[in-house]
C-alpha atoms as a PDB file:
ATOM      1  CA  MET A   1      -3.175  72.870  38.687  1.00  0.00           C
ATOM      2  CA  LYS A   2      -2.051  76.469  38.859  1.00  0.00           C
ATOM      3  CA  VAL A   3      -4.257  77.112  41.899  1.00  0.00           C
ATOM      4  CA  VAL A   4      -2.762  74.115  43.713  1.00  0.00           C
ATOM      5  CA  SER A   5       0.747  75.378  42.931  1.00  0.00           C
ATOM      6  CA  GLN A   6      -0.105  78.851  44.201  1.00  0.00           C
ATOM      7  CA  LEU A   7      -1.613  77.484  47.407  1.00  0.00           C
ATOM      8  CA  ALA A   8       1.323  75.151  48.002  1.00  0.00           C
ATOM      9  CA  ARG A   9       3.787  78.010  47.507  1.00  0.00           C
ATOM     10  CA  HIS A  10       1.797  80.274  49.828  1.00  0.00           C
ATOM     11  CA  PHE A  11       1.626  77.686  52.608  1.00  0.00           C
ATOM     12  CA  TRP A  12       5.291  76.731  52.125  1.00  0.00           C
ATOM     13  CA  MET A  13       6.420  80.351  52.391  1.00  0.00           C
ATOM     14  CA  GLN A  14       4.276  80.807  55.530  1.00  0.00           C
ATOM     15  CA  GLY A  15       5.870  77.759  57.112  1.00  0.00           C
ATOM     16  CA  ALA A  16       2.562  75.892  57.253  1.00  0.00           C
ATOM     17  CA  LEU A  17       3.885  72.909  55.250  1.00  0.00           C
ATOM     18  CA  SER A  18       6.466  70.563  56.698  1.00  0.00           C
ATOM     19  CA  PRO A  19       9.376  69.492  54.501  1.00  0.00           C
ATOM     20  CA  GLU A  20       7.836  66.032  54.270  1.00  0.00           C
ATOM     21  CA  GLN A  21       4.515  67.462  53.108  1.00  0.00           C
ATOM     22  CA  ALA A  22       6.268  69.599  50.485  1.00  0.00           C
ATOM     23  CA  GLU A  23       8.203  66.586  49.207  1.00  0.00           C
ATOM     24  CA  TYR A  24       4.966  64.596  49.001  1.00  0.00           C
ATOM     25  CA  LEU A  25       3.284  67.292  46.890  1.00  0.00           C
ATOM     26  CA  VAL A  26       6.270  67.334  44.520  1.00  0.00           C
ATOM     27  CA  HIS A  27       6.509  63.535  44.351  1.00  0.00           C
ATOM     28  CA  GLN A  28       2.800  63.178  43.561  1.00  0.00           C
ATOM     29  CA  GLY A  29       3.028  65.806  40.813  1.00  0.00           C
ATOM     30  CA  PHE A  30       0.808  68.423  42.427  1.00  0.00           C
ATOM     31  CA  VAL A  31       3.540  71.068  42.308  1.00  0.00           C
ATOM     32  CA  LYS A  32       6.933  71.452  40.645  1.00  0.00           C
ATOM     33  CA  ALA A  33      10.009  71.444  42.871  1.00  0.00           C
ATOM     34  CA  GLU A  34      11.082  74.802  41.452  1.00  0.00           C
ATOM     35  CA  THR A  35       7.802  76.355  42.599  1.00  0.00           C
ATOM     36  CA  LEU A  36       8.710  75.666  46.214  1.00  0.00           C
ATOM     37  CA  GLY A  37      12.404  76.393  45.793  1.00  0.00           C
ATOM     38  CA  LEU A  38      13.375  72.756  46.229  1.00  0.00           C
ATOM     39  CA  GLY A  39      16.114  71.036  44.292  1.00  0.00           C
ATOM     40  CA  ALA A  40      15.494  69.638  40.820  1.00  0.00           C
ATOM     41  CA  ASN A  41      14.866  66.188  42.294  1.00  0.00           C
ATOM     42  CA  GLY A  42      12.263  67.551  44.725  1.00  0.00           C
ATOM     43  CA  ARG A  43      14.378  66.861  47.801  1.00  0.00           C
ATOM     44  CA  LEU A  44      15.301  69.330  50.487  1.00  0.00           C
ATOM     45  CA  GLY A  45      18.878  70.304  51.116  1.00  0.00           C
ATOM     46  CA  VAL A  46      19.806  70.667  47.444  1.00  0.00           C
ATOM     47  CA  CYS A  47      19.304  74.432  47.456  1.00  0.00           C
ATOM     48  CA  GLU A  48      18.277  77.065  49.979  1.00  0.00           C
ATOM     49  CA  LEU A  49      14.585  77.427  50.674  1.00  0.00           C
ATOM     50  CA  ALA A  50      12.902  80.796  50.457  1.00  0.00           C
END
């Protein structure tokens, strides 16, 4: 899943993923919240996004 994590991070940093899409990827286990800079619970607003 490393490739999926790298792609998700790339698209998140480029602004190509919406917050809802990022939360979905975390919730489904495709990527860890920390990889995208989300809070520990995978929700936005817990910490600043990159």
